[in-house]
Amino acid sequence: MLATLSLILGPVFPTVVMIHGAGGGGWEYQYWKPKFEQAGYRVEAPDLKPVKAGLAQTELRDYVAQTVRICGTRPVILVGASMGGVSVLSAASKVKVRAIVLVSSAVPAGVGVPGRMVKYPAVVKWSNGTYSETVASMPDTEEAIMRDAWPRWRDESGLVLGQIANGVAVARPRVPVLSVIPDADETVPAADQRKLAVWARADVRTWQGMSHIGPLFSRRKNAVADSIIAWLSVKGLESRRI
């Protein structure tokens, strides 16, 4: 039936669900979203929400459950940046995932990177930070983008960050995986991301001199998005005929 409709109406593109990193929101994908939509994809980039008891009581499994609900029963392509990388890897076995794209991804347990046994405060305060802190975190970004991002950062659950730092067990993906690795990543070392890529049997796109959030915000952000769209096309993931 889908193949017949595809012949009549053209390719039927799967939905791309983009999950953001710690302290951010769906707005992190504001520059990628139109690129994917122009390529024919429907894109959802939600804000992950704390539980009713507040950020201090929010666990990674709460974010994963939200991701699963957003995906529903439809085929999806999961994109996860930083914390969102572990979130989508955790959600992948619970949804109809067609492919996974890991962007500057945090690293789960079991990929050759030992847990760091890091302790965080109950709530990590990132909202209302100074502009200089935003500038320092976005070294390869234009000033207008830094000005836009500065007031948008939010506080984050220390419990979630601690769980990720100490190692979250996830199932090895059984679908195509692309790992987007900025080699100047100051948050998740590129060496750790490469170990994750080997474990996930991922294709790798390395971006020289790019910062942790550079794939989403740097002057080369559109080129990164284009490379992901091209990879999806090569993998035959532009249509539900798969």
Protein backbone atom coordinates (compact mmCIF):
# COMPACT_ATOMS: atom_id res chain seq x y z
CA MET A 1 0.00 0.00 0.00
CA LEU A 2 2.75 2.45 0.97
CA ALA A 3 4.71 1.54 -2.14
CA THR A 4 1.64 2.24 -4.30
CA LEU A 5 1.06 5.61 -2.63
CA SER A 6 4.74 6.43 -3.04
CA LEU A 7 4.51 5.82 -6.79
CA ILE A 8 1.46 8.06 -7.03
CA LEU A 9 2.45 10.85 -4.64
CA GLY A 10 6.22 10.56 -4.61
CA PRO A 11 8.42 9.53 -1.66
CA VAL A 12 6.80 9.52 1.78
CA PHE A 13 9.42 10.86 4.16
CA PRO A 14 9.75 9.62 7.75
CA THR A 15 9.59 11.99 10.69
CA VAL A 16 12.86 13.21 12.16
CA VAL A 17 12.72 13.60 15.95
CA MET A 18 15.52 15.83 17.24
CA ILE A 19 16.40 15.64 20.94
CA HIS A 20 18.41 18.46 22.47
CA GLY A 21 21.31 18.53 24.89
CA ALA A 22 21.53 19.42 28.56
CA GLY A 23 20.55 22.96 29.46
CA GLY A 24 19.04 23.59 26.04
CA GLY A 25 15.79 23.00 24.23
CA GLY A 26 14.28 22.23 20.86
CA TRP A 27 15.40 25.69 19.76
CA GLU A 28 18.92 24.26 19.40
CA TYR A 29 17.77 22.79 16.07
CA GLN A 30 16.35 26.04 14.69
CA TYR A 31 18.99 26.19 11.94
CA TRP A 32 18.75 22.51 10.99
CA LYS A 33 14.97 22.22 11.01
CA PRO A 34 14.33 24.23 7.81
CA LYS A 35 17.11 22.35 6.01
CA PHE A 36 15.49 18.99 6.79
CA GLU A 37 12.03 20.30 5.94
CA GLN A 38 13.25 21.58 2.59
CA ALA A 39 14.56 18.07 1.94
CA GLY A 40 11.06 16.69 2.53
CA TYR A 41 11.17 15.55 6.13
CA ARG A 42 8.72 16.36 8.87
CA VAL A 43 10.73 17.53 11.90
CA GLU A 44 9.84 17.58 15.57
CA ALA A 45 12.24 19.19 18.02
CA PRO A 46 10.52 19.15 21.41
CA ASP A 47 11.61 20.61 24.72
CA LEU A 48 12.27 17.88 27.27
CA LYS A 49 10.33 18.62 30.45
CA PRO A 50 11.15 18.05 34.12
CA VAL A 51 8.80 15.84 36.13
CA LYS A 52 6.14 17.49 38.31
CA ALA A 53 8.38 17.17 41.36
CA GLY A 54 10.94 19.40 39.62
CA LEU A 55 14.33 19.19 37.96
CA ALA A 56 16.01 17.81 41.07
CA GLN A 57 13.84 14.69 40.84
CA THR A 58 14.08 14.29 37.07
CA GLU A 59 15.96 11.24 35.79
CA LEU A 60 17.20 10.30 32.35
CA ARG A 61 14.45 7.70 32.09
CA ASP A 62 11.92 10.56 32.29
CA TYR A 63 13.47 12.20 29.22
CA VAL A 64 13.59 8.84 27.46
CA ALA A 65 9.91 8.24 28.20
CA GLN A 66 9.08 11.63 26.70
CA THR A 67 11.07 10.78 23.59
CA VAL A 68 9.22 7.49 23.23
CA ARG A 69 5.84 9.24 23.57
CA ILE A 70 6.78 11.81 20.96
CA CYS A 71 7.79 9.10 18.50
CA GLY A 72 4.59 7.10 19.01
CA THR A 73 4.11 4.18 16.63
CA ARG A 74 5.32 5.83 13.41
CA PRO A 75 8.71 5.19 11.79
CA VAL A 76 11.21 7.81 12.89
CA ILE A 77 14.77 8.95 12.46
CA LEU A 78 16.25 9.90 15.83
CA VAL A 79 18.75 12.74 16.16
CA GLY A 80 20.36 13.37 19.53
CA ALA A 81 22.90 16.01 20.52
CA SER A 82 25.17 15.60 23.54
CA MET A 83 22.84 14.43 26.36
CA GLY A 84 20.27 13.84 23.63
CA GLY A 85 22.57 11.21 22.11
CA VAL A 86 22.23 8.95 25.13
CA SER A 87 18.52 9.76 25.29
CA VAL A 88 17.86 8.57 21.73
CA LEU A 89 20.05 5.49 22.15
CA SER A 90 18.01 4.61 25.22
CA ALA A 91 14.73 5.21 23.39
CA ALA A 92 15.70 3.42 20.17
CA SER A 93 14.76 -0.08 21.31
CA LYS A 94 11.27 1.13 22.27
CA VAL A 95 10.25 2.84 19.01
CA LYS A 96 10.16 2.16 15.26
CA VAL A 97 13.51 3.76 14.57
CA ARG A 98 14.91 3.71 11.03
CA ALA A 99 18.22 5.43 11.74
CA ILE A 100 20.06 7.27 14.49
CA VAL A 101 22.22 10.38 14.19
CA LEU A 102 24.50 11.10 17.15
CA VAL A 103 25.80 14.67 17.35
CA SER A 104 28.63 15.47 19.80
CA SER A 105 27.10 12.61 21.72
CA ALA A 106 27.58 11.82 25.35
CA VAL A 107 28.80 8.26 25.78
CA PRO A 108 26.79 5.43 27.37
CA ALA A 109 28.22 2.61 29.47
CA GLY A 110 29.87 -0.38 27.86
CA VAL A 111 31.81 1.24 25.03
CA GLY A 112 35.29 1.21 26.52
CA VAL A 113 34.94 4.51 28.36
CA PRO A 114 34.84 4.06 32.16
CA GLY A 115 32.24 5.87 34.26
CA ARG A 116 33.63 9.02 35.79
CA MET A 117 31.73 8.86 39.12
CA VAL A 118 30.89 12.54 38.88
CA LYS A 119 28.54 14.18 41.39
CA TYR A 120 26.46 17.17 40.42
CA PRO A 121 24.30 19.50 42.49
CA ALA A 122 20.60 18.62 42.44
CA VAL A 123 20.00 21.38 39.89
CA VAL A 124 22.79 22.64 37.67
CA LYS A 125 22.29 26.39 37.22
CA TRP A 126 22.74 27.44 33.63
CA SER A 127 19.90 29.93 33.21
CA ASN A 128 20.66 33.61 33.75
CA GLY A 129 24.35 33.05 33.14
CA THR A 130 26.65 35.77 31.89
CA TYR A 131 27.03 36.54 28.23
CA SER A 132 30.75 35.82 28.50
CA GLU A 133 29.91 32.22 29.51
CA THR A 134 27.88 31.81 26.34
CA VAL A 135 30.70 33.30 24.27
CA ALA A 136 33.16 30.85 25.81
CA SER A 137 30.91 27.89 24.97
CA MET A 138 30.44 28.96 21.34
CA PRO A 139 33.93 29.81 20.04
CA ASP A 140 33.13 29.11 16.38
CA THR A 141 29.79 30.94 16.26
CA GLU A 142 28.64 34.32 15.00
CA GLU A 143 27.80 37.01 17.54
CA ALA A 144 24.14 37.23 16.49
CA ILE A 145 23.70 33.52 17.26
CA MET A 146 25.41 33.89 20.63
CA ARG A 147 23.11 36.82 21.48
CA ASP A 148 20.11 34.71 20.55
CA ALA A 149 21.24 31.68 22.56
CA TRP A 150 22.33 33.52 25.70
CA PRO A 151 18.90 34.05 27.33
CA ARG A 152 17.62 30.62 26.26
CA TRP A 153 19.85 28.34 28.33
CA ARG A 154 17.98 26.57 31.11
CA ASP A 155 18.88 24.83 34.33
CA GLU A 156 19.38 21.08 34.16
CA SER A 157 18.87 18.08 36.39
CA GLY A 158 22.05 17.13 38.19
CA LEU A 159 20.64 13.64 38.54
CA VAL A 160 20.43 13.26 34.76
CA LEU A 161 23.94 14.59 34.24
CA GLY A 162 25.30 12.31 36.96
CA GLN A 163 23.59 9.27 35.49
CA ILE A 164 25.13 9.95 32.08
CA ALA A 165 28.59 10.69 33.46
CA ASN A 166 28.56 7.52 35.55
CA GLY A 167 27.42 5.35 32.64
CA VAL A 168 23.99 4.50 31.27
CA ALA A 169 23.55 1.04 29.77
CA VAL A 170 21.87 1.02 26.35
CA ALA A 171 21.28 -1.65 23.73
CA ARG A 172 23.53 -1.65 20.67
CA PRO A 173 21.56 -0.12 17.77
CA ARG A 174 20.38 -2.44 14.99
CA VAL A 175 19.79 0.33 12.48
CA PRO A 176 22.15 2.59 10.53
CA VAL A 177 23.94 5.08 12.78
CA LEU A 178 25.82 8.24 11.87
CA SER A 179 28.18 9.82 14.38
CA VAL A 180 28.89 13.53 13.87
CA ILE A 181 32.11 14.27 15.76
CA PRO A 182 33.55 17.78 16.23
CA ASP A 183 37.23 17.11 16.81
CA ALA A 184 37.75 20.15 19.05
CA ASP A 185 34.92 19.10 21.38
CA GLU A 186 35.72 20.45 24.84
CA THR A 187 32.83 18.67 26.57
CA VAL A 188 32.82 15.11 25.21
CA PRO A 189 36.32 14.24 23.93
CA ALA A 190 36.40 13.23 20.29
CA ALA A 191 38.28 10.07 21.29
CA ASP A 192 35.32 8.98 23.44
CA GLN A 193 32.91 9.72 20.60
CA ARG A 194 35.00 7.63 18.23
CA LYS A 195 34.82 4.70 20.67
CA LEU A 196 31.06 5.10 20.72
CA ALA A 197 30.99 5.09 16.92
CA VAL A 198 32.96 1.83 16.80
CA TRP A 199 30.62 0.23 19.34
CA ALA A 200 27.52 1.39 17.44
CA ARG A 201 29.02 0.36 14.07
CA ALA A 202 28.38 3.92 12.99
CA ASP A 203 29.46 5.84 9.94
CA VAL A 204 31.51 8.83 11.04
CA ARG A 205 31.68 12.43 9.91
CA THR A 206 34.48 14.31 11.67
CA TRP A 207 34.54 18.11 11.59
CA GLN A 208 37.98 19.61 12.06
CA GLY A 209 38.34 22.44 14.59
CA MET A 210 34.67 22.38 15.55
CA SER A 211 33.44 22.88 19.12
CA HIS A 212 30.97 20.75 21.10
CA ILE A 213 27.93 22.74 19.97
CA GLY A 214 29.48 23.76 16.67
CA PRO A 215 27.47 21.25 14.59
CA LEU A 216 24.30 23.13 15.54
CA PHE A 217 25.54 26.71 15.79
CA SER A 218 28.88 27.26 14.06
CA ARG A 219 29.46 28.93 10.74
CA ARG A 220 29.48 25.42 9.20
CA LYS A 221 26.14 24.35 10.74
CA ASN A 222 24.38 24.24 7.36
CA ALA A 223 27.13 22.08 5.89
CA VAL A 224 26.75 19.66 8.78
CA ALA A 225 22.99 19.46 8.23
CA ASP A 226 23.50 18.91 4.50
CA SER A 227 25.95 16.09 5.16
CA ILE A 228 23.43 14.31 7.39
CA ILE A 229 20.67 14.68 4.83
CA ALA A 230 23.02 13.30 2.16
CA TRP A 231 23.87 10.34 4.41
CA LEU A 232 20.18 9.57 4.93
CA SER A 233 19.65 9.62 1.18
CA VAL A 234 22.56 7.24 0.58
CA LYS A 235 21.12 4.89 3.18
CA GLY A 236 17.76 4.91 1.36
CA LEU A 237 16.02 6.57 4.31
CA GLU A 238 14.20 9.24 2.39
CA SER A 239 11.14 7.06 1.95
CA ARG A 240 9.03 4.72 4.05
CA ARG A 241 9.32 2.19 1.23
CA ILE A 242 12.12 0.74 3.36
